[in-house]
Amino acid sequence: MAYSPGFVPPAGRRGTPRIFVSHGTGDETLPVDRTSRRIVPRLEEDGYDVTYAEFAGGHTVPPEIVRRAVEWLGGQQQLGRSA
C-alpha cells in the first residue's frame, strides 16, 4: 500500500505482489503528475496488479480512501486464506 508515494525505491523486485496506490489531485507536497501518474503505469508495465485511487484533495488520506484500502487489503487476506 502506498499513500501519495513520491518514488519507488530502486531495490530488487521479487514476485508479483498486488499494489494499492492512492493520491490526491491537489497534492502540493508530492504533485500527482510527477509521482503516482508516472509510478503506476511503470508498475503496471512491469506486470504488477495495481489498484489506483485518485481523489480530489491534497497530501492526505481521506476516510473514503482508508475504507477502500482496508477493503482492498481484506480482499487480499481472503485470497491468501483460500490459497
C-alpha atoms as a PDB file:
ATOM      1  CA  MET A   1       0.000   0.000   0.000  1.00  0.00           C
ATOM      2  CA  ALA A   2       1.271   3.459  -0.852  1.00  0.00           C
ATOM      3  CA  TYR A   3      -0.468   6.697   0.018  1.00  0.00           C
ATOM      4  CA  SER A   4       0.766   9.598  -2.147  1.00  0.00           C
ATOM      5  CA  PRO A   5       4.102   7.973  -2.991  1.00  0.00           C
ATOM      6  CA  GLY A   6       6.963  10.062  -4.288  1.00  0.00           C
ATOM      7  CA  PHE A   7       9.108   7.252  -5.709  1.00  0.00           C
ATOM      8  CA  VAL A   8       9.674   3.505  -5.836  1.00  0.00           C
ATOM      9  CA  PRO A   9      12.966   2.502  -4.195  1.00  0.00           C
ATOM     10  CA  PRO A  10      15.498   1.043  -6.632  1.00  0.00           C
ATOM     11  CA  ALA A  11      15.518  -2.365  -4.946  1.00  0.00           C
ATOM     12  CA  GLY A  12      15.380  -5.808  -6.438  1.00  0.00           C
ATOM     13  CA  ARG A  13      11.837  -6.938  -7.104  1.00  0.00           C
ATOM     14  CA  ARG A  14      10.563 -10.393  -6.218  1.00  0.00           C
ATOM     15  CA  GLY A  15       7.289 -11.946  -7.182  1.00  0.00           C
ATOM     16  CA  THR A  16       4.250 -10.024  -8.305  1.00  0.00           C
ATOM     17  CA  PRO A  17       2.550  -8.592  -5.238  1.00  0.00           C
ATOM     18  CA  ARG A  18      -0.682  -6.697  -5.715  1.00  0.00           C
ATOM     19  CA  ILE A  19      -0.316  -2.985  -5.044  1.00  0.00           C
ATOM     20  CA  PHE A  20      -2.701  -0.286  -3.815  1.00  0.00           C
ATOM     21  CA  VAL A  21      -1.801   3.349  -4.534  1.00  0.00           C
ATOM     22  CA  SER A  22      -3.810   6.484  -3.748  1.00  0.00           C
ATOM     23  CA  HIS A  23      -3.012  10.119  -4.441  1.00  0.00           C
ATOM     24  CA  GLY A  24      -4.767  13.471  -4.226  1.00  0.00           C
ATOM     25  CA  THR A  25      -5.053  15.556  -7.386  1.00  0.00           C
ATOM     26  CA  GLY A  26      -4.331  18.719  -5.382  1.00  0.00           C
ATOM     27  CA  ASP A  27      -1.232  17.382  -3.593  1.00  0.00           C
ATOM     28  CA  GLU A  28       1.295  20.221  -3.475  1.00  0.00           C
ATOM     29  CA  THR A  29       3.842  18.262  -1.413  1.00  0.00           C
ATOM     30  CA  LEU A  30       4.221  15.451  -3.965  1.00  0.00           C
ATOM     31  CA  PRO A  31       2.340  16.546  -7.101  1.00  0.00           C
ATOM     32  CA  VAL A  32       0.439  13.649  -8.653  1.00  0.00           C
ATOM     33  CA  ASP A  33       1.616  14.452 -12.209  1.00  0.00           C
ATOM     34  CA  ARG A  34       5.260  13.951 -11.180  1.00  0.00           C
ATOM     35  CA  THR A  35       4.687  10.935  -8.943  1.00  0.00           C
ATOM     36  CA  SER A  36       1.784   8.454  -8.972  1.00  0.00           C
ATOM     37  CA  ARG A  37       0.761   9.194 -12.558  1.00  0.00           C
ATOM     38  CA  ARG A  38       4.264   8.074 -13.550  1.00  0.00           C
ATOM     39  CA  ILE A  39       4.782   5.360 -10.925  1.00  0.00           C
ATOM     40  CA  VAL A  40       1.524   3.452 -11.503  1.00  0.00           C
ATOM     41  CA  PRO A  41       1.962   2.952 -15.278  1.00  0.00           C
ATOM     42  CA  ARG A  42       5.549   1.761 -14.744  1.00  0.00           C
ATOM     43  CA  LEU A  43       4.426  -0.783 -12.165  1.00  0.00           C
ATOM     44  CA  GLU A  44       1.678  -1.975 -14.498  1.00  0.00           C
ATOM     45  CA  GLU A  45       4.178  -2.251 -17.374  1.00  0.00           C
ATOM     46  CA  ASP A  46       6.323  -4.424 -15.092  1.00  0.00           C
ATOM     47  CA  GLY A  47       3.346  -6.764 -14.669  1.00  0.00           C
ATOM     48  CA  TYR A  48       2.067  -5.711 -11.262  1.00  0.00           C
ATOM     49  CA  ASP A  49      -1.665  -5.701 -10.498  1.00  0.00           C
ATOM     50  CA  VAL A  50      -2.146  -2.104  -9.324  1.00  0.00           C
ATOM     51  CA  THR A  51      -5.307  -0.659  -7.826  1.00  0.00           C
ATOM     52  CA  TYR A  52      -5.061   3.123  -8.172  1.00  0.00           C
ATOM     53  CA  ALA A  53      -7.360   5.521  -6.326  1.00  0.00           C
ATOM     54  CA  GLU A  54      -7.035   9.164  -7.286  1.00  0.00           C
ATOM     55  CA  PHE A  55      -9.115  11.651  -5.296  1.00  0.00           C
ATOM     56  CA  ALA A  56      -9.803  15.371  -5.090  1.00  0.00           C
ATOM     57  CA  GLY A  57      -7.632  16.647  -2.273  1.00  0.00           C
ATOM     58  CA  GLY A  58      -4.122  17.301  -1.106  1.00  0.00           C
ATOM     59  CA  HIS A  59      -1.369  15.355   0.650  1.00  0.00           C
ATOM     60  CA  THR A  60      -3.726  13.479   2.935  1.00  0.00           C
ATOM     61  CA  VAL A  61      -5.638  10.231   3.220  1.00  0.00           C
ATOM     62  CA  PRO A  62      -9.387  10.883   3.328  1.00  0.00           C
ATOM     63  CA  PRO A  63     -11.680   8.441   5.169  1.00  0.00           C
ATOM     64  CA  GLU A  64     -13.154   7.079   1.935  1.00  0.00           C
ATOM     65  CA  ILE A  65      -9.651   6.179   0.700  1.00  0.00           C
ATOM     66  CA  VAL A  66      -8.861   4.491   4.030  1.00  0.00           C
ATOM     67  CA  ARG A  67     -12.083   2.471   3.680  1.00  0.00           C
ATOM     68  CA  ARG A  68     -11.211   1.481   0.137  1.00  0.00           C
ATOM     69  CA  ALA A  69      -7.676   0.468   1.138  1.00  0.00           C
ATOM     70  CA  VAL A  70      -8.949  -1.615   4.066  1.00  0.00           C
ATOM     71  CA  GLU A  71     -11.472  -3.349   1.788  1.00  0.00           C
ATOM     72  CA  TRP A  72      -8.686  -3.985  -0.737  1.00  0.00           C
ATOM     73  CA  LEU A  73      -6.448  -5.399   1.989  1.00  0.00           C
ATOM     74  CA  GLY A  74      -9.298  -7.533   3.328  1.00  0.00           C
ATOM     75  CA  GLY A  75      -9.752  -8.990  -0.128  1.00  0.00           C
ATOM     76  CA  GLN A  76      -6.040  -9.771  -0.262  1.00  0.00           C
ATOM     77  CA  GLN A  77      -6.205 -11.589   3.066  1.00  0.00           C
ATOM     78  CA  GLN A  78      -9.185 -13.637   1.865  1.00  0.00           C
ATOM     79  CA  LEU A  79      -7.247 -14.576  -1.270  1.00  0.00           C
ATOM     80  CA  GLY A  80      -4.329 -15.641   0.917  1.00  0.00           C
ATOM     81  CA  ARG A  81      -6.524 -17.865   3.089  1.00  0.00           C
ATOM     82  CA  SER A  82      -8.036 -19.695   0.141  1.00  0.00           C
ATOM     83  CA  ALA A  83      -4.673 -20.464  -1.442  1.00  0.00           C
END
